[in-house]
Every structure is written in structure tokens, then in C-alpha cells.
PDB file of N, CA and C in Angstrom:
ATOM      1  N   MET A   1      69.426  55.835  95.216  1.00  0.00           N
ATOM      2  CA  MET A   1      69.303  54.865  96.255  1.00  0.00           C
ATOM      3  C   MET A   1      68.852  53.566  95.598  1.00  0.00           C
ATOM      4  N   THR A   2      69.508  52.457  95.980  1.00  0.00           N
ATOM      5  CA  THR A   2      69.241  51.191  95.329  1.00  0.00           C
ATOM      6  C   THR A   2      69.639  50.017  96.222  1.00  0.00           C
ATOM      7  N   ASN A   3      69.177  48.847  95.852  1.00  0.00           N
ATOM      8  CA  ASN A   3      69.647  47.593  96.444  1.00  0.00           C
ATOM      9  C   ASN A   3      70.577  46.883  95.472  1.00  0.00           C
ATOM     10  N   ASP A   4      70.720  47.438  94.287  1.00  0.00           N
ATOM     11  CA  ASP A   4      71.439  46.817  93.185  1.00  0.00           C
ATOM     12  C   ASP A   4      72.877  47.333  93.117  1.00  0.00           C
ATOM     13  N   LEU A   5      73.850  46.432  93.142  1.00  0.00           N
ATOM     14  CA  LEU A   5      75.247  46.835  93.097  1.00  0.00           C
ATOM     15  C   LEU A   5      75.720  47.225  91.704  1.00  0.00           C
ATOM     16  N   ASP A   6      74.904  46.995  90.683  1.00  0.00           N
ATOM     17  CA  ASP A   6      75.314  47.327  89.318  1.00  0.00           C
ATOM     18  C   ASP A   6      75.607  48.810  89.140  1.00  0.00           C
ATOM     19  N   PHE A   7      74.912  49.670  89.837  1.00  0.00           N
ATOM     20  CA  PHE A   7      75.164  51.103  89.708  1.00  0.00           C
ATOM     21  C   PHE A   7      76.587  51.444  90.145  1.00  0.00           C
ATOM     22  N   GLY A   8      77.034  50.830  91.216  1.00  0.00           N
ATOM     23  CA  GLY A   8      78.412  51.036  91.667  1.00  0.00           C
ATOM     24  C   GLY A   8      79.418  50.518  90.666  1.00  0.00           C
ATOM     25  N   ARG A   9      79.128  49.386  90.055  1.00  0.00           N
ATOM     26  CA  ARG A   9      80.030  48.836  89.031  1.00  0.00           C
ATOM     27  C   ARG A   9      80.136  49.776  87.834  1.00  0.00           C
ATOM     28  N   ILE A  10      79.004  50.329  87.423  1.00  0.00           N
ATOM     29  CA  ILE A  10      79.008  51.266  86.295  1.00  0.00           C
ATOM     30  C   ILE A  10      79.861  52.486  86.629  1.00  0.00           C
ATOM     31  N   LEU A  11      79.703  53.033  87.824  1.00  0.00           N
ATOM     32  CA  LEU A  11      80.501  54.190  88.220  1.00  0.00           C
ATOM     33  C   LEU A  11      81.983  53.853  88.231  1.00  0.00           C
ATOM     34  N   ALA A  12      82.332  52.655  88.712  1.00  0.00           N
ATOM     35  CA  ALA A  12      83.738  52.250  88.771  1.00  0.00           C
ATOM     36  C   ALA A  12      84.322  52.091  87.375  1.00  0.00           C
ATOM     37  N   VAL A  13      83.601  51.413  86.488  1.00  0.00           N
ATOM     38  CA  VAL A  13      84.090  51.183  85.126  1.00  0.00           C
ATOM     39  C   VAL A  13      84.284  52.505  84.385  1.00  0.00           C
ATOM     40  N   GLU A  14      83.365  53.436  84.592  1.00  0.00           N
ATOM     41  CA  GLU A  14      83.437  54.726  83.912  1.00  0.00           C
ATOM     42  C   GLU A  14      84.334  55.739  84.626  1.00  0.00           C
ATOM     43  N   ALA A  15      84.880  55.364  85.793  1.00  0.00           N
ATOM     44  CA  ALA A  15      85.682  56.280  86.611  1.00  0.00           C
ATOM     45  C   ALA A  15      84.917  57.578  86.862  1.00  0.00           C
ATOM     46  N   ALA A  16      83.627  57.450  87.093  1.00  0.00           N
ATOM     47  CA  ALA A  16      82.753  58.602  87.290  1.00  0.00           C
ATOM     48  C   ALA A  16      83.018  59.280  88.629  1.00  0.00           C
ATOM     49  N   THR A  17      82.820  60.581  88.664  1.00  0.00           N
ATOM     50  CA  THR A  17      82.946  61.334  89.908  1.00  0.00           C
ATOM     51  C   THR A  17      81.592  61.724  90.475  1.00  0.00           C
ATOM     52  N   SER A  18      80.537  61.422  89.735  1.00  0.00           N
ATOM     53  CA  SER A  18      79.166  61.659  90.184  1.00  0.00           C
ATOM     54  C   SER A  18      78.244  60.835  89.301  1.00  0.00           C
ATOM     55  N   PRO A  19      77.032  60.607  89.682  1.00  0.00           N
ATOM     56  CA  PRO A  19      76.376  61.013  90.921  1.00  0.00           C
ATOM     57  C   PRO A  19      76.736  60.064  92.050  1.00  0.00           C
ATOM     58  N   SER A  20      76.423  60.464  93.253  1.00  0.00           N
ATOM     59  CA  SER A  20      76.588  59.559  94.390  1.00  0.00           C
ATOM     60  C   SER A  20      75.561  58.447  94.297  1.00  0.00           C
ATOM     61  N   VAL A  21      75.943  57.298  94.843  1.00  0.00           N
ATOM     62  CA  VAL A  21      75.029  56.151  94.898  1.00  0.00           C
ATOM     63  C   VAL A  21      74.938  55.701  96.344  1.00  0.00           C
ATOM     64  N   LEU A  22      73.725  55.469  96.786  1.00  0.00           N
ATOM     65  CA  LEU A  22      73.459  54.988  98.133  1.00  0.00           C
ATOM     66  C   LEU A  22      72.883  53.586  97.997  1.00  0.00           C
ATOM     67  N   VAL A  23      73.624  52.590  98.470  1.00  0.00           N
ATOM     68  CA  VAL A  23      73.207  51.191  98.365  1.00  0.00           C
ATOM     69  C   VAL A  23      72.705  50.723  99.726  1.00  0.00           C
ATOM     70  N   LEU A  24      71.509  50.164  99.741  1.00  0.00           N
ATOM     71  CA  LEU A  24      70.913  49.651 100.975  1.00  0.00           C
ATOM     72  C   LEU A  24      71.077  48.141 101.010  1.00  0.00           C
ATOM     73  N   ARG A  25      71.787  47.650 102.009  1.00  0.00           N
ATOM     74  CA  ARG A  25      71.995  46.218 102.194  1.00  0.00           C
ATOM     75  C   ARG A  25      71.449  45.867 103.585  1.00  0.00           C
ATOM     76  N   LEU A  26      70.134  45.843 103.691  1.00  0.00           N
ATOM     77  CA  LEU A  26      69.459  45.714 104.984  1.00  0.00           C
ATOM     78  C   LEU A  26      68.548  44.498 105.010  1.00  0.00           C
ATOM     79  N   ARG A  27      68.401  43.927 106.185  1.00  0.00           N
ATOM     80  CA  ARG A  27      67.453  42.819 106.351  1.00  0.00           C
ATOM     81  C   ARG A  27      66.024  43.330 106.408  1.00  0.00           C
ATOM     82  N   ASP A  28      65.805  44.426 107.123  1.00  0.00           N
ATOM     83  CA  ASP A  28      64.460  44.988 107.290  1.00  0.00           C
ATOM     84  C   ASP A  28      64.297  46.178 106.348  1.00  0.00           C
ATOM     85  N   THR A  29      63.517  45.999 105.294  1.00  0.00           N
ATOM     86  CA  THR A  29      63.315  47.082 104.326  1.00  0.00           C
ATOM     87  C   THR A  29      61.892  47.637 104.376  1.00  0.00           C
ATOM     88  N   HIS A  30      61.231  47.463 105.501  1.00  0.00           N
ATOM     89  CA  HIS A  30      59.900  48.039 105.666  1.00  0.00           C
ATOM     90  C   HIS A  30      60.017  49.558 105.522  1.00  0.00           C
ATOM     91  N   PRO A  31      59.113  50.188 104.785  1.00  0.00           N
ATOM     92  CA  PRO A  31      59.208  51.641 104.551  1.00  0.00           C
ATOM     93  C   PRO A  31      59.365  52.479 105.819  1.00  0.00           C
ATOM     94  N   ASP A  32      58.652  52.147 106.874  1.00  0.00           N
ATOM     95  CA  ASP A  32      58.780  52.917 108.117  1.00  0.00           C
ATOM     96  C   ASP A  32      60.192  52.816 108.672  1.00  0.00           C
ATOM     97  N   ARG A  33      60.780  51.635 108.608  1.00  0.00           N
ATOM     98  CA  ARG A  33      62.144  51.424 109.088  1.00  0.00           C
ATOM     99  C   ARG A  33      63.147  52.189 108.222  1.00  0.00           C
ATOM    100  N   LEU A  34      62.937  52.173 106.903  1.00  0.00           N
ATOM    101  CA  LEU A  34      63.846  52.891 106.017  1.00  0.00           C
ATOM    102  C   LEU A  34      63.819  54.390 106.283  1.00  0.00           C
ATOM    103  N   VAL A  35      62.634  54.936 106.461  1.00  0.00           N
ATOM    104  CA  VAL A  35      62.504  56.375 106.745  1.00  0.00           C
ATOM    105  C   VAL A  35      63.240  56.717 108.036  1.00  0.00           C
ATOM    106  N   GLU A  36      63.044  55.921 109.060  1.00  0.00           N
ATOM    107  CA  GLU A  36      63.703  56.152 110.353  1.00  0.00           C
ATOM    108  C   GLU A  36      65.225  56.063 110.215  1.00  0.00           C
ATOM    109  N   LEU A  37      65.686  55.036 109.539  1.00  0.00           N
ATOM    110  CA  LEU A  37      67.123  54.835 109.371  1.00  0.00           C
ATOM    111  C   LEU A  37      67.756  55.957 108.547  1.00  0.00           C
ATOM    112  N   LEU A  38      67.153  56.295 107.423  1.00  0.00           N
ATOM    113  CA  LEU A  38      67.702  57.345 106.571  1.00  0.00           C
ATOM    114  C   LEU A  38      67.680  58.707 107.261  1.00  0.00           C
ATOM    115  N   ALA A  39      66.633  58.973 108.029  1.00  0.00           N
ATOM    116  CA  ALA A  39      66.556  60.242 108.765  1.00  0.00           C
ATOM    117  C   ALA A  39      67.689  60.362 109.780  1.00  0.00           C
ATOM    118  N   SER A  40      68.152  59.243 110.310  1.00  0.00           N
ATOM    119  CA  SER A  40      69.239  59.288 111.284  1.00  0.00           C
ATOM    120  C   SER A  40      70.617  59.303 110.626  1.00  0.00           C
ATOM    121  N   ILE A  41      70.739  58.757 109.426  1.00  0.00           N
ATOM    122  CA  ILE A  41      72.042  58.642 108.773  1.00  0.00           C
ATOM    123  C   ILE A  41      72.343  59.801 107.827  1.00  0.00           C
ATOM    124  N   LEU A  42      71.386  60.202 107.023  1.00  0.00           N
ATOM    125  CA  LEU A  42      71.653  61.187 105.970  1.00  0.00           C
ATOM    126  C   LEU A  42      72.258  62.505 106.457  1.00  0.00           C
ATOM    127  N   PRO A  43      71.816  63.066 107.588  1.00  0.00           N
ATOM    128  CA  PRO A  43      72.440  64.324 108.023  1.00  0.00           C
ATOM    129  C   PRO A  43      73.950  64.190 108.268  1.00  0.00           C
ATOM    130  N   GLY A  44      74.394  63.013 108.637  1.00  0.00           N
ATOM    131  CA  GLY A  44      75.821  62.806 108.907  1.00  0.00           C
ATOM    132  C   GLY A  44      76.657  62.528 107.675  1.00  0.00           C
ATOM    133  N   ILE A  45      76.020  62.258 106.537  1.00  0.00           N
ATOM    134  CA  ILE A  45      76.781  61.947 105.321  1.00  0.00           C
ATOM    135  C   ILE A  45      76.431  62.879 104.164  1.00  0.00           C
ATOM    136  N   ASP A  46      75.745  63.973 104.436  1.00  0.00           N
ATOM    137  CA  ASP A  46      75.332  64.860 103.345  1.00  0.00           C
ATOM    138  C   ASP A  46      76.526  65.437 102.593  1.00  0.00           C
ATOM    139  N   ASP A  47      77.603  65.826 103.292  1.00  0.00           N
ATOM    140  CA  ASP A  47      78.795  66.329 102.606  1.00  0.00           C
ATOM    141  C   ASP A  47      79.438  65.244 101.749  1.00  0.00           C
ATOM    142  N   THR A  48      79.429  64.030 102.255  1.00  0.00           N
ATOM    143  CA  THR A  48      79.978  62.886 101.526  1.00  0.00           C
ATOM    144  C   THR A  48      79.210  62.669 100.230  1.00  0.00           C
ATOM    145  N   LEU A  49      77.896  62.714 100.319  1.00  0.00           N
ATOM    146  CA  LEU A  49      77.065  62.519  99.132  1.00  0.00           C
ATOM    147  C   LEU A  49      77.222  63.664  98.137  1.00  0.00           C
ATOM    148  N   GLU A  50      77.313  64.882  98.624  1.00  0.00           N
ATOM    149  CA  GLU A  50      77.478  66.033  97.739  1.00  0.00           C
ATOM    150  C   GLU A  50      78.819  65.994  97.006  1.00  0.00           C
ATOM    151  N   ALA A  51      79.825  65.373  97.624  1.00  0.00           N
ATOM    152  CA  ALA A  51      81.158  65.307  97.025  1.00  0.00           C
ATOM    153  C   ALA A  51      81.268  64.228  95.950  1.00  0.00           C
ATOM    154  N   GLY A  52      80.289  63.341  95.867  1.00  0.00           N
ATOM    155  CA  GLY A  52      80.330  62.230  94.919  1.00  0.00           C
ATOM    156  C   GLY A  52      80.933  61.005  95.572  1.00  0.00           C
ATOM    157  N   SER A  53      80.085  60.098  96.038  1.00  0.00           N
ATOM    158  CA  SER A  53      80.552  58.933  96.776  1.00  0.00           C
ATOM    159  C   SER A  53      79.680  57.719  96.510  1.00  0.00           C
ATOM    160  N   PHE A  54      80.247  56.574  96.819  1.00  0.00           N
ATOM    161  CA  PHE A  54      79.542  55.302  96.796  1.00  0.00           C
ATOM    162  C   PHE A  54      79.361  54.927  98.258  1.00  0.00           C
ATOM    163  N   VAL A  55      78.119  54.930  98.737  1.00  0.00           N
ATOM    164  CA  VAL A  55      77.829  54.700 100.153  1.00  0.00           C
ATOM    165  C   VAL A  55      77.005  53.428 100.297  1.00  0.00           C
ATOM    166  N   VAL A  56      77.440  52.559 101.205  1.00  0.00           N
ATOM    167  CA  VAL A  56      76.715  51.329 101.488  1.00  0.00           C
ATOM    168  C   VAL A  56      76.205  51.408 102.921  1.00  0.00           C
ATOM    169  N   ILE A  57      74.889  51.255 103.068  1.00  0.00           N
ATOM    170  CA  ILE A  57      74.280  51.239 104.403  1.00  0.00           C
ATOM    171  C   ILE A  57      73.887  49.802 104.697  1.00  0.00           C
ATOM    172  N   GLU A  58      74.500  49.246 105.739  1.00  0.00           N
ATOM    173  CA  GLU A  58      74.210  47.887 106.195  1.00  0.00           C
ATOM    174  C   GLU A  58      73.577  47.971 107.574  1.00  0.00           C
ATOM    175  N   ASP A  59      73.122  46.841 108.078  1.00  0.00           N
ATOM    176  CA  ASP A  59      72.490  46.828 109.395  1.00  0.00           C
ATOM    177  C   ASP A  59      73.434  47.326 110.490  1.00  0.00           C
ATOM    178  N   ALA A  60      74.708  46.989 110.391  1.00  0.00           N
ATOM    179  CA  ALA A  60      75.649  47.323 111.463  1.00  0.00           C
ATOM    180  C   ALA A  60      76.670  48.391 111.090  1.00  0.00           C
ATOM    181  N   ALA A  61      76.637  48.893 109.863  1.00  0.00           N
ATOM    182  CA  ALA A  61      77.677  49.838 109.457  1.00  0.00           C
ATOM    183  C   ALA A  61      77.242  50.690 108.274  1.00  0.00           C
ATOM    184  N   VAL A  62      77.931  51.821 108.133  1.00  0.00           N
ATOM    185  CA  VAL A  62      77.791  52.674 106.960  1.00  0.00           C
ATOM    186  C   VAL A  62      79.207  52.861 106.420  1.00  0.00           C
ATOM    187  N   ARG A  63      79.405  52.509 105.144  1.00  0.00           N
ATOM    188  CA  ARG A  63      80.717  52.641 104.518  1.00  0.00           C
ATOM    189  C   ARG A  63      80.604  53.582 103.327  1.00  0.00           C
ATOM    190  N   ALA A  64      81.615  54.415 103.154  1.00  0.00           N
ATOM    191  CA  ALA A  64      81.599  55.360 102.031  1.00  0.00           C
ATOM    192  C   ALA A  64      82.965  55.380 101.357  1.00  0.00           C
ATOM    193  N   ARG A  65      82.922  55.453 100.030  1.00  0.00           N
ATOM    194  CA  ARG A  65      84.140  55.624  99.228  1.00  0.00           C
ATOM    195  C   ARG A  65      83.912  56.779  98.269  1.00  0.00           C
ATOM    196  N   LYS A  66      84.867  57.682  98.248  1.00  0.00           N
ATOM    197  CA  LYS A  66      84.767  58.833  97.358  1.00  0.00           C
ATOM    198  C   LYS A  66      84.940  58.369  95.918  1.00  0.00           C
ATOM    199  N   LEU A  67      84.170  58.971  95.026  1.00  0.00           N
ATOM    200  CA  LEU A  67      84.307  58.679  93.602  1.00  0.00           C
ATOM    201  C   LEU A  67      85.438  59.519  93.026  1.00  0.00           C
ATOM    202  N   PRO A  68      86.154  59.045  92.035  1.00  0.00           N
ATOM    203  CA  PRO A  68      85.962  57.766  91.360  1.00  0.00           C
ATOM    204  C   PRO A  68      86.504  56.610  92.201  1.00  0.00           C
ATOM    205  N   VAL A  69      85.862  55.472  92.079  1.00  0.00           N
ATOM    206  CA  VAL A  69      86.248  54.255  92.808  1.00  0.00           C
ATOM    207  C   VAL A  69      87.186  53.477  91.894  1.00  0.00           C
ATOM    208  N   SER A  70      88.275  52.990  92.460  1.00  0.00           N
ATOM    209  CA  SER A  70      89.183  52.194  91.628  1.00  0.00           C
ATOM    210  C   SER A  70      89.421  50.839  92.237  1.00  0.00           C
TER     211      SER A  70
END
């Protein structure tokens, strides 16, 4: 889990199939808010993460791309 897009770039350049990366692109990063948000989102994307994916969580959307990313 990161706010840094470099991890996604590394996975793309290496054509990696794992590990999954979860990128947080949020305005409110207060720990209580993050816990609440992740608790509501993670159960719905656990298979996606286990399969190896690049997931971006934004205020209004969750986007996922299966690895390798091209």
C-alpha cells in the first residue's frame, strides 16, 4: 500500500505478475478514515489482489488492472 506511483512503474517495466500494489489517491488520509475505507473496500477486491493487480483507490472510484500491466 502506497501513495507513490513508482511501485506501479517498476511492476510495469519488469512485466511483473506480483506482488499486488494498492495505491491510495485520497484527499483525506486520516488514519481513522483509511481504516474505515479499507475495511469497506478490501473484502470486495481480495480475489483481485490475490491474483496480482495494480489497484488505485480514489475518493470516487476504485480501479484495478491485472498484472502484468502493459
